């Protein structure tokens, strides 16, 4: 569009464009969470499909041993094996794309955290670096190889495959560039938040798993129905409690479980897969953690022998962990321990404080005086860690705590919150600060760098400059000195260093309207 000649209107138009760009860069948390929900659903669907297809492959082993089906199984099993190989290769390739995209979005290998709302990484990785073409070619190659395995299979399932590589139709009126591959990459990955691009990749993985299942099902149907032979048996015994008082009732439940040694159930506890033994039973041991009531979610996926359907049974298990008599460990501030700050604890153990000491599995713990202690988790020790209480050198009890990094601080220009502010007050601040708001901890955050830009009647072109450190210096100081009432100031890409030594980029910037 052409800009008006009148300076005031020109400034207003440019300010509108800058604000629109800033809004576009801040993808809402609700949208990001929605993509994560869809991605989790797709990954769960992939796991279920994988279980179903694995059961089909296992059935071929039995069919080829059976004299009644051996001849046909010998024809179709090699084709099913080809399907398995090309599907696994394509699925794993997309896993590689996911990891590379996270790395492009500043993946922290220790915590697994990356910038989910980054809208530049997908464009850079898939379009500018040419990986969109590689992805498209590999998906097209998978579909082509799959249908080339057998002409009859191609005729039957070719039109049912969910993998569609056509350029999605745009409702926004975007025009075609004439280059189908470039349009395809742009439609899916141009200016797309990283979490959304990961969801798109999971969608293509789901297409691969669905296509594999259709092809494998076609092959097994040419031989016969899935044959499930119950050849393993296990007594199943459970009781209502392992600790009772006199006069209480004990309930015992007993039965017989029948299993197929080739098609085992898939068992997970709180999302973590548990190996299944030869009898189809999963057994695991774990530390029950700190005191209090806990809940575990147990999920068992299996193939219904009557229908061949994939089914899942879920059950919640509740248990309570009591504290050893006389031992108490309580945080004086928060219910979690933070890395990089002093976390005060009060420890009592039914003995004089001079006889009590403590150890901490995730860092250091120091007695201050009496029953007061300071815990300092070591950098990178996220997760659950244990405080062990010792009386005269002997362990008397253990209490677990969650260890987390400090939340992001809030950045401000001095003590000025974003919005309309007096021009003189803004200039007098001299730079920006970063501090935790509404926190029990006085945790110092060091401002490492940021970008600052402005637009006004005297500064018609928005050209942000980088500033090192908290205080305005160099080009940033020169820009601030030029500002007058009516200027719009934007501060972005704010990098801070916390007391844990970790440098992080704050997810949102600042904007001020000088008056």
Protein backbone atom coordinates (compact mmCIF):
# COMPACT_ATOMS: atom_id res chain seq x y z
CA UNK A 1 0.00 0.00 0.00
CA UNK A 2 1.09 3.62 -0.50
CA UNK A 3 1.69 5.82 2.55
CA UNK A 4 -0.13 9.19 2.86
CA UNK A 5 1.91 12.35 2.51
CA UNK A 6 0.46 14.00 5.63
CA UNK A 7 3.04 13.23 8.45
CA UNK A 8 0.53 12.58 11.25
CA UNK A 9 -1.53 10.08 9.23
CA UNK A 10 1.69 8.46 8.01
CA UNK A 11 2.84 7.99 11.60
CA UNK A 12 -0.55 6.54 12.64
CA UNK A 13 -0.47 4.01 9.76
CA UNK A 14 3.06 2.88 10.60
CA UNK A 15 2.19 2.56 14.32
CA UNK A 16 -0.78 0.38 13.36
CA UNK A 17 1.47 -1.89 11.30
CA UNK A 18 3.98 -2.20 14.15
CA UNK A 19 1.26 -3.02 16.70
CA UNK A 20 -0.26 -5.59 14.34
CA UNK A 21 3.14 -7.23 13.95
CA UNK A 22 3.67 -7.29 17.71
CA UNK A 23 0.25 -8.89 18.24
CA UNK A 24 1.02 -11.51 15.58
CA UNK A 25 4.21 -12.44 17.38
CA UNK A 26 2.40 -13.22 20.62
CA UNK A 27 0.48 -16.45 20.04
CA UNK A 28 -2.04 -16.92 22.87
CA UNK A 29 -1.51 -19.64 25.47
CA UNK A 30 -5.01 -21.01 24.73
CA UNK A 31 -4.07 -21.67 21.08
CA UNK A 32 -0.76 -23.29 22.07
CA UNK A 33 -2.55 -25.53 24.61
CA UNK A 34 -5.13 -26.51 22.00
CA UNK A 35 -2.37 -27.70 19.66
CA UNK A 36 -0.76 -29.65 22.51
CA UNK A 37 -4.07 -31.41 23.26
CA UNK A 38 -4.44 -32.40 19.59
CA UNK A 39 -0.80 -33.55 19.43
CA UNK A 40 -1.22 -35.74 22.54
CA UNK A 41 -4.37 -37.27 21.05
CA UNK A 42 -2.55 -38.06 17.79
CA UNK A 43 0.36 -39.66 19.63
CA UNK A 44 -2.03 -41.80 21.69
CA UNK A 45 -3.80 -42.82 18.49
CA UNK A 46 -0.43 -43.75 16.96
CA UNK A 47 0.35 -45.98 19.95
CA UNK A 48 -3.00 -47.77 19.64
CA UNK A 49 -2.56 -48.25 15.88
CA UNK A 50 0.94 -49.58 16.45
CA UNK A 51 -0.38 -52.17 18.91
CA UNK A 52 -3.08 -53.30 16.49
CA UNK A 53 -0.67 -53.59 13.56
CA UNK A 54 1.94 -55.41 15.67
CA UNK A 55 -0.74 -57.99 16.53
CA UNK A 56 -1.32 -58.56 12.80
CA UNK A 57 2.39 -59.10 12.15
CA UNK A 58 2.57 -61.54 15.10
CA UNK A 59 -0.39 -63.50 13.71
CA UNK A 60 1.54 -64.20 10.52
CA UNK A 61 4.07 -66.21 12.58
CA UNK A 62 1.25 -68.56 13.71
CA UNK A 63 -0.43 -68.71 10.32
CA UNK A 64 2.75 -69.75 8.56
CA UNK A 65 3.15 -72.68 11.02
CA UNK A 66 -0.41 -73.90 10.46
CA UNK A 67 -0.57 -76.41 7.53
CA UNK A 68 -4.01 -75.02 6.60
CA UNK A 69 -2.77 -71.47 6.10
CA UNK A 70 0.99 -71.94 5.55
CA UNK A 71 0.82 -71.71 1.73
CA UNK A 72 -1.03 -68.40 1.62
CA UNK A 73 0.87 -67.01 4.60
CA UNK A 74 4.16 -67.68 2.81
CA UNK A 75 2.94 -65.39 -0.02
CA UNK A 76 1.61 -62.53 2.08
CA UNK A 77 3.99 -62.47 5.05
CA UNK A 78 6.95 -61.10 2.98
CA UNK A 79 4.66 -58.35 1.69
CA UNK A 80 3.58 -57.52 5.24
CA UNK A 81 7.26 -57.40 6.25
CA UNK A 82 7.90 -54.85 3.47
CA UNK A 83 5.01 -52.74 4.77
CA UNK A 84 6.47 -52.82 8.28
CA UNK A 85 9.94 -51.70 7.10
CA UNK A 86 8.88 -48.76 4.92
CA UNK A 87 6.36 -47.54 7.52
CA UNK A 88 8.96 -47.65 10.32
CA UNK A 89 11.50 -45.78 8.17
CA UNK A 90 9.02 -43.02 7.34
CA UNK A 91 7.74 -42.71 10.91
CA UNK A 92 11.29 -42.48 12.32
CA UNK A 93 12.20 -39.89 9.69
CA UNK A 94 9.40 -37.63 10.94
CA UNK A 95 10.63 -38.12 14.51
CA UNK A 96 13.96 -36.75 13.29
CA UNK A 97 12.19 -33.74 11.76
CA UNK A 98 10.48 -33.10 15.12
CA UNK A 99 13.77 -33.10 17.02
CA UNK A 100 15.46 -30.84 14.45
CA UNK A 101 12.54 -28.37 14.61
CA UNK A 102 12.73 -28.24 18.42
CA UNK A 103 16.47 -27.56 18.15
CA UNK A 104 15.66 -24.79 15.67
CA UNK A 105 13.37 -23.40 18.40
CA UNK A 106 16.12 -23.20 21.06
CA UNK A 107 15.67 -26.67 22.59
CA UNK A 108 17.30 -27.05 26.02
CA UNK A 109 18.65 -30.65 25.98
CA UNK A 110 18.61 -30.85 29.78
CA UNK A 111 15.01 -29.84 30.39
CA UNK A 112 13.46 -30.52 26.98
CA UNK A 113 12.04 -26.99 26.99
CA UNK A 114 11.82 -25.11 23.69
CA UNK A 115 10.06 -22.01 22.38
CA UNK A 116 6.64 -23.43 21.52
CA UNK A 117 5.34 -20.10 20.19
CA UNK A 118 8.30 -19.43 17.86
CA UNK A 119 6.77 -18.57 14.46
CA UNK A 120 10.07 -18.20 12.62
CA UNK A 121 11.62 -21.64 13.22
CA UNK A 122 9.20 -23.58 10.96
CA UNK A 123 9.59 -21.11 8.09
CA UNK A 124 13.37 -21.18 8.46
CA UNK A 125 13.69 -24.98 8.77
CA UNK A 126 11.13 -26.18 6.23
CA UNK A 127 11.11 -23.36 3.66
CA UNK A 128 14.41 -21.55 3.72
CA UNK A 129 16.55 -24.63 4.48
CA UNK A 130 14.61 -26.81 2.02
CA UNK A 131 13.44 -29.49 4.48
CA UNK A 132 9.83 -29.02 3.36
CA UNK A 133 10.78 -30.47 -0.04
CA UNK A 134 12.54 -33.41 1.66
CA UNK A 135 9.48 -34.06 3.84
CA UNK A 136 7.11 -33.91 0.88
CA UNK A 137 9.31 -36.22 -1.23
CA UNK A 138 9.65 -38.77 1.59
CA UNK A 139 5.88 -38.86 2.23
CA UNK A 140 5.22 -39.25 -1.50
CA UNK A 141 7.87 -41.99 -1.65
CA UNK A 142 6.26 -43.84 1.28
CA UNK A 143 2.85 -43.81 -0.42
CA UNK A 144 4.33 -44.90 -3.75
CA UNK A 145 6.36 -47.76 -2.23
CA UNK A 146 3.38 -48.95 -0.18
CA UNK A 147 1.06 -49.21 -3.18
CA UNK A 148 3.80 -50.82 -5.31
CA UNK A 149 4.01 -53.85 -3.01
CA UNK A 150 0.96 -55.53 -4.55
CA UNK A 151 -1.32 -54.42 -7.45
CA UNK A 152 -4.43 -55.95 -5.90
CA UNK A 153 -3.77 -54.21 -2.60
CA UNK A 154 -3.23 -50.91 -4.42
CA UNK A 155 -6.58 -51.25 -6.17
CA UNK A 156 -8.41 -52.07 -2.93
CA UNK A 157 -6.92 -49.54 -0.50
CA UNK A 158 -5.34 -46.90 -2.77
CA UNK A 159 -8.34 -44.60 -2.52
CA UNK A 160 -8.69 -45.12 1.23
CA UNK A 161 -5.20 -44.06 2.32
CA UNK A 162 -5.43 -41.00 4.60
CA UNK A 163 -2.08 -39.56 3.45
CA UNK A 164 -3.05 -36.59 1.25
CA UNK A 165 -0.28 -34.46 -0.27
CA UNK A 166 -2.47 -31.96 -2.09
CA UNK A 167 -1.98 -28.28 -1.26
CA UNK A 168 -4.61 -27.37 1.39
CA UNK A 169 -7.19 -24.88 0.15
CA UNK A 170 -6.86 -21.50 1.87
CA UNK A 171 -9.86 -19.62 3.21
CA UNK A 172 -7.77 -16.46 3.52
CA UNK A 173 -7.58 -15.80 -0.19
CA UNK A 174 -3.89 -16.63 -0.55
CA UNK A 175 -2.84 -16.98 -4.17
CA UNK A 176 -0.74 -19.75 -5.63
CA UNK A 177 2.89 -19.13 -6.55
CA UNK A 178 2.65 -21.63 -9.39
CA UNK A 179 5.12 -23.90 -7.59
CA UNK A 180 3.04 -26.73 -6.02
CA UNK A 181 5.80 -27.88 -3.67
CA UNK A 182 6.48 -24.34 -2.43
CA UNK A 183 2.74 -23.76 -1.93
CA UNK A 184 2.50 -27.04 0.02
CA UNK A 185 5.35 -26.07 2.35
CA UNK A 186 3.97 -22.57 2.80
CA UNK A 187 0.45 -23.83 3.58
CA UNK A 188 1.64 -26.04 6.41
CA UNK A 189 4.73 -24.36 7.85
CA UNK A 190 4.96 -20.68 6.87
CA UNK A 191 4.86 -18.48 10.03
CA UNK A 192 3.45 -21.43 11.99
CA UNK A 193 4.20 -21.73 15.76
CA UNK A 194 6.58 -24.59 16.53
CA UNK A 195 3.99 -26.48 18.61
CA UNK A 196 1.56 -26.32 15.67
CA UNK A 197 4.20 -27.62 13.23
CA UNK A 198 4.93 -30.52 15.62
CA UNK A 199 1.21 -31.32 15.62
CA UNK A 200 1.21 -31.31 11.81
CA UNK A 201 4.14 -33.76 11.82
CA UNK A 202 2.23 -35.99 14.30
CA UNK A 203 -0.72 -35.84 11.91
CA UNK A 204 1.48 -37.15 9.08
CA UNK A 205 2.81 -39.86 11.42
CA UNK A 206 -0.80 -40.81 12.16
CA UNK A 207 -1.45 -41.00 8.39
CA UNK A 208 1.53 -43.35 8.06
CA UNK A 209 0.31 -45.58 10.91
CA UNK A 210 -3.24 -45.67 9.51
CA UNK A 211 -1.92 -46.50 6.03
CA UNK A 212 0.30 -49.24 7.45
CA UNK A 213 -2.63 -50.73 9.36
CA UNK A 214 -4.86 -50.72 6.26
CA UNK A 215 -2.16 -52.44 4.18
CA UNK A 216 -1.29 -55.00 6.87
CA UNK A 217 -4.99 -55.77 7.44
CA UNK A 218 -5.43 -56.35 3.70
CA UNK A 219 -2.52 -58.83 3.71
CA UNK A 220 -3.78 -60.80 6.72
CA UNK A 221 -7.30 -60.95 5.24
CA UNK A 222 -5.89 -62.71 2.17
CA UNK A 223 -4.78 -65.55 4.46
CA UNK A 224 -7.45 -65.69 7.14
CA UNK A 225 -8.66 -63.95 10.25
CA UNK A 226 -6.26 -63.02 13.01
CA UNK A 227 -5.61 -66.18 14.94
CA UNK A 228 -5.28 -65.70 18.69
CA UNK A 229 -4.11 -68.82 20.54
CA UNK A 230 -4.23 -68.74 24.33
CA UNK A 231 -1.06 -70.63 25.26
CA UNK A 232 -0.05 -68.98 28.56
CA UNK A 233 -1.96 -69.04 31.85
CA UNK A 234 -1.35 -67.09 35.03
CA UNK A 235 -3.20 -67.13 38.39
CA UNK A 236 -4.45 -63.63 39.22
CA UNK A 237 -4.73 -62.98 42.95
CA UNK A 238 -5.39 -59.63 44.64
CA UNK A 239 -6.33 -58.54 48.13
CA UNK A 240 -8.03 -55.45 49.49
CA UNK A 241 -5.19 -54.45 51.80
CA UNK A 242 -1.79 -55.58 52.96
CA UNK A 243 -2.16 -53.92 56.37
CA UNK A 244 -5.16 -54.59 58.60
CA UNK A 245 -6.27 -54.16 62.18
CA UNK A 246 -7.96 -56.82 64.38
CA UNK A 247 -11.59 -57.37 63.40
CA UNK A 248 -11.23 -55.85 59.91
CA UNK A 249 -12.30 -57.79 56.81
CA UNK A 250 -9.84 -58.97 54.17
CA UNK A 251 -11.17 -59.39 50.62
CA UNK A 252 -9.32 -61.77 48.28
CA UNK A 253 -10.02 -61.89 44.53
CA UNK A 254 -8.61 -64.84 42.55
CA UNK A 255 -8.92 -65.96 38.96
CA UNK A 256 -7.09 -67.29 35.92
CA UNK A 257 -5.66 -65.09 33.19
CA UNK A 258 -5.12 -66.50 29.69
CA UNK A 259 -2.57 -64.93 27.37
CA UNK A 260 -1.18 -65.24 23.90
CA UNK A 261 2.64 -65.33 23.99
CA UNK A 262 2.98 -63.51 20.66
CA UNK A 263 0.40 -60.76 21.17
CA UNK A 264 1.12 -59.34 24.60
CA UNK A 265 -0.83 -56.55 26.30
CA UNK A 266 0.73 -53.11 26.50
CA UNK A 267 0.88 -51.85 30.08
CA UNK A 268 1.67 -48.30 31.18
CA UNK A 269 1.68 -46.59 34.58
CA UNK A 270 1.26 -42.81 34.53
CA UNK A 271 2.18 -42.84 30.84
CA UNK A 272 5.40 -44.85 31.35
CA UNK A 273 5.57 -48.17 29.50
CA UNK A 274 6.17 -51.26 31.68
CA UNK A 275 7.78 -54.41 30.14
CA UNK A 276 5.54 -57.48 29.97
CA UNK A 277 7.02 -60.90 30.83
CA UNK A 278 6.50 -64.19 28.96
CA UNK A 279 3.25 -64.82 30.87
CA UNK A 280 1.77 -61.50 29.75
CA UNK A 281 2.17 -59.86 33.17
CA UNK A 282 3.86 -56.51 33.84
CA UNK A 283 5.69 -56.04 37.12
CA UNK A 284 7.61 -52.97 38.28
CA UNK A 285 9.02 -51.42 41.44
CA UNK A 286 9.18 -47.73 42.24
CA UNK A 287 9.96 -45.36 45.08
CA UNK A 288 6.70 -44.17 46.64
CA UNK A 289 8.11 -40.67 47.19
CA UNK A 290 7.20 -38.29 49.99
CA UNK A 291 4.40 -38.41 52.51
CA UNK A 292 0.77 -37.98 51.54
CA UNK A 293 -1.91 -39.57 49.38
CA UNK A 294 -0.94 -40.45 45.81
CA UNK A 295 -2.72 -41.76 42.71
CA UNK A 296 -1.35 -43.84 39.83
CA UNK A 297 -3.08 -44.42 36.50
CA UNK A 298 -2.65 -47.95 35.14
CA UNK A 299 -3.58 -48.60 31.50
CA UNK A 300 -3.68 -52.01 29.76
CA UNK A 301 -4.16 -52.16 25.97
CA UNK A 302 -5.03 -55.49 24.33
CA UNK A 303 -6.62 -57.07 21.25
CA UNK A 304 -10.12 -58.47 21.71
CA UNK A 305 -9.89 -62.08 20.46
CA UNK A 306 -13.54 -62.05 19.39
CA UNK A 307 -13.52 -58.92 17.26
CA UNK A 308 -9.84 -58.17 16.63
CA UNK A 309 -10.45 -54.65 17.97
CA UNK A 310 -7.84 -52.74 19.97
CA UNK A 311 -9.23 -52.06 23.45
CA UNK A 312 -7.88 -50.35 26.55
CA UNK A 313 -8.77 -50.74 30.22
CA UNK A 314 -7.69 -48.01 32.65
CA UNK A 315 -7.75 -48.08 36.42
CA UNK A 316 -6.70 -45.68 39.16
CA UNK A 317 -4.75 -46.98 42.15
CA UNK A 318 -4.65 -44.86 45.32
CA UNK A 319 -2.11 -45.27 48.10
CA UNK A 320 -0.94 -43.29 51.11
CA UNK A 321 2.62 -42.79 52.30
CA UNK A 322 2.87 -42.06 56.00
CA UNK A 323 5.64 -40.16 57.75
CA UNK A 324 7.99 -42.01 60.13
CA UNK A 325 7.02 -41.38 63.73
CA UNK A 326 8.54 -38.15 65.05
CA UNK A 327 10.03 -37.04 61.70
CA UNK A 328 8.75 -33.87 60.03
CA UNK A 329 10.28 -31.85 57.19
CA UNK A 330 8.37 -28.72 56.21
CA UNK A 331 9.31 -25.92 53.81
CA UNK A 332 9.12 -22.44 55.34
CA UNK A 333 8.12 -20.72 52.06
CA UNK A 334 6.89 -22.83 49.12
CA UNK A 335 5.91 -26.50 48.72
CA UNK A 336 8.58 -26.93 46.06
CA UNK A 337 12.34 -26.33 46.09
CA UNK A 338 13.76 -23.85 43.58
CA UNK A 339 17.17 -24.01 41.93
CA UNK A 340 19.45 -21.01 42.50
CA UNK A 341 17.95 -19.70 45.76
CA UNK A 342 18.07 -20.53 49.49
CA UNK A 343 15.10 -22.76 50.36
CA UNK A 344 14.51 -22.72 54.15
CA UNK A 345 13.30 -25.92 55.81
CA UNK A 346 12.29 -26.82 59.35
CA UNK A 347 13.26 -30.36 60.37
CA UNK A 348 12.23 -32.14 63.57
CA UNK A 349 12.88 -35.77 64.42
CA UNK A 350 11.78 -36.38 67.99
CA UNK A 351 15.30 -35.78 69.31
CA UNK A 352 17.40 -32.80 70.28
CA UNK A 353 18.42 -30.65 67.33
CA UNK A 354 22.08 -31.27 68.15
CA UNK A 355 21.55 -34.98 67.34
CA UNK A 356 19.73 -34.30 64.05
CA UNK A 357 21.35 -33.82 60.64
CA UNK A 358 20.10 -34.12 57.07
CA UNK A 359 21.14 -35.02 53.54
CA UNK A 360 19.65 -33.88 50.23
CA UNK A 361 19.84 -36.02 47.06
CA UNK A 362 19.56 -33.08 44.65
CA UNK A 363 22.19 -30.69 46.00
CA UNK A 364 23.34 -29.35 49.36
CA UNK A 365 21.62 -28.88 52.71
CA UNK A 366 23.09 -26.81 55.53
CA UNK A 367 21.99 -26.45 59.14
CA UNK A 368 21.56 -22.76 60.05
CA UNK A 369 20.66 -23.14 63.72
CA UNK A 370 18.52 -25.44 65.81
CA UNK A 371 15.97 -27.11 63.53
CA UNK A 372 16.40 -24.59 60.69
CA UNK A 373 18.10 -25.67 57.43
CA UNK A 374 18.86 -24.21 54.01
CA UNK A 375 18.53 -26.39 50.89
CA UNK A 376 20.24 -25.46 47.61
CA UNK A 377 19.35 -27.75 44.66
CA UNK A 378 22.15 -28.06 42.10
CA UNK A 379 21.69 -26.67 38.58
CA UNK A 380 19.85 -29.08 36.28
CA UNK A 381 18.51 -31.31 39.08
CA UNK A 382 14.85 -30.97 38.12
CA UNK A 383 12.26 -33.51 39.23
CA UNK A 384 11.75 -35.19 42.58
CA UNK A 385 14.56 -35.35 45.18
CA UNK A 386 14.72 -36.57 48.75
CA UNK A 387 15.65 -35.05 52.12
CA UNK A 388 16.95 -37.82 54.40
CA UNK A 389 16.76 -37.07 58.13
CA UNK A 390 19.46 -38.63 60.31
CA UNK A 391 19.44 -38.97 64.10
CA UNK A 392 22.94 -39.55 65.49
CA UNK A 393 24.09 -40.48 62.00
CA UNK A 394 21.37 -43.07 61.33
CA UNK A 395 18.60 -42.56 58.78
CA UNK A 396 15.30 -41.90 60.55
CA UNK A 397 13.04 -40.84 57.69
CA UNK A 398 12.82 -39.52 54.14
CA UNK A 399 10.63 -36.83 52.61
CA UNK A 400 10.51 -36.04 48.88
CA UNK A 401 10.16 -32.63 47.27
CA UNK A 402 9.70 -31.43 43.71
CA UNK A 403 12.64 -29.37 42.43
CA UNK A 404 11.88 -26.74 39.78
CA UNK A 405 13.55 -23.78 38.16
CA UNK A 406 12.36 -20.34 39.18
CA UNK A 407 9.45 -18.96 37.12
CA UNK A 408 10.13 -16.24 34.58
CA UNK A 409 10.54 -12.77 36.08
CA UNK A 410 8.60 -9.70 34.98
CA UNK A 411 10.53 -7.10 32.99
CA UNK A 412 9.84 -3.40 33.50
CA UNK A 413 11.40 -0.06 32.57
CA UNK A 414 12.35 0.97 36.10
CA UNK A 415 9.09 0.82 38.04
CA UNK A 416 6.88 1.72 35.06
CA UNK A 417 4.32 -0.80 33.87
CA UNK A 418 3.60 -1.00 30.10
CA UNK A 419 1.11 1.49 28.68
CA UNK A 420 0.87 5.28 28.66
CA UNK A 421 3.70 6.86 30.75
CA UNK A 422 5.17 10.36 31.03
CA UNK A 423 8.05 10.87 28.62
CA UNK A 424 10.31 12.40 31.29
CA UNK A 425 9.67 9.54 33.73
CA UNK A 426 10.43 6.96 31.04
CA UNK A 427 13.78 8.54 30.15
CA UNK A 428 14.73 8.93 33.81
CA UNK A 429 14.54 5.17 34.42
CA UNK A 430 17.76 4.60 32.44
CA UNK A 431 17.08 0.96 31.53
CA UNK A 432 15.03 -2.14 32.38
CA UNK A 433 14.92 -4.51 35.34
CA UNK A 434 13.65 -8.08 35.76
CA UNK A 435 12.21 -9.30 39.03
CA UNK A 436 9.89 -11.98 40.40
CA UNK A 437 6.48 -10.63 41.29
CA UNK A 438 4.31 -12.05 44.08
CA UNK A 439 7.06 -14.45 45.13
CA UNK A 440 8.35 -15.49 48.54
CA UNK A 441 11.90 -15.40 47.16
CA UNK A 442 14.08 -12.35 46.60
CA UNK A 443 15.78 -13.90 43.57
CA UNK A 444 18.03 -11.56 41.58
CA UNK A 445 17.71 -11.72 37.78
CA UNK A 446 20.36 -10.07 35.60
CA UNK A 447 19.24 -8.48 32.34
CA UNK A 448 21.60 -9.76 29.63
CA UNK A 449 20.29 -8.02 26.51
CA UNK A 450 17.18 -6.82 24.64
CA UNK A 451 16.05 -4.99 21.53
CA UNK A 452 14.43 -1.57 21.68
CA UNK A 453 12.71 0.33 18.88
CA UNK A 454 10.41 3.29 18.55
CA UNK A 455 8.21 5.13 16.10
CA UNK A 456 7.07 8.75 16.17
CA UNK A 457 6.74 11.83 14.00
CA UNK A 458 10.53 12.28 14.27
CA UNK A 459 11.28 8.54 13.85
CA UNK A 460 9.07 7.32 10.95
CA UNK A 461 10.93 4.03 10.41
CA UNK A 462 10.76 1.30 13.04
CA UNK A 463 14.35 -0.03 13.32
CA UNK A 464 15.02 -1.75 16.68
CA UNK A 465 18.59 -1.76 18.04
CA UNK A 466 20.17 -4.29 20.40
CA UNK A 467 21.28 -3.24 23.88
CA UNK A 468 23.68 -5.25 26.05
CA UNK A 469 23.07 -5.16 29.79
CA UNK A 470 20.25 -3.54 31.74
CA UNK A 471 21.05 0.16 31.24
CA UNK A 472 20.54 1.97 27.96
CA UNK A 473 23.85 2.37 26.21
CA UNK A 474 25.21 3.29 22.78
CA UNK A 475 22.58 3.23 20.03
CA UNK A 476 19.79 2.49 22.54
CA UNK A 477 20.71 5.55 24.66
CA UNK A 478 20.81 7.72 21.53
CA UNK A 479 17.35 6.47 20.51
CA UNK A 480 15.87 7.15 23.96
CA UNK A 481 17.29 10.69 23.99
CA UNK A 482 15.47 11.44 20.71
CA UNK A 483 12.05 10.38 22.00
CA UNK A 484 9.28 12.92 22.49
CA UNK A 485 5.68 12.72 23.75
CA UNK A 486 3.54 10.71 21.32
CA UNK A 487 6.26 8.12 20.59
CA UNK A 488 5.48 4.41 20.71
CA UNK A 489 8.33 2.31 22.20
CA UNK A 490 8.62 -1.49 21.90
CA UNK A 491 11.13 -3.65 23.85
CA UNK A 492 11.47 -7.28 22.65
CA UNK A 493 13.78 -10.33 22.83
CA UNK A 494 14.54 -9.71 26.51
CA UNK A 495 17.20 -12.16 27.74
CA UNK A 496 17.80 -12.57 31.48
CA UNK A 497 20.10 -14.68 33.64
CA UNK A 498 18.68 -16.15 36.82
CA UNK A 499 20.39 -17.07 40.10
CA UNK A 500 20.64 -20.64 38.78
CA UNK A 501 23.01 -19.35 36.07
CA UNK A 502 20.59 -20.22 33.25
CA UNK A 503 19.97 -17.66 30.50
CA UNK A 504 16.38 -17.54 29.25
CA UNK A 505 14.36 -15.44 26.81
CA UNK A 506 11.22 -13.89 28.30
CA UNK A 507 8.12 -14.94 26.32
CA UNK A 508 6.66 -11.44 25.98
CA UNK A 509 7.99 -7.94 25.39
CA UNK A 510 7.05 -4.45 26.59
CA UNK A 511 5.35 -1.51 24.89
CA UNK A 512 5.05 2.08 26.14
CA UNK A 513 3.18 5.09 24.78
CA UNK A 514 4.98 8.28 25.84
CA UNK A 515 2.85 11.27 26.73
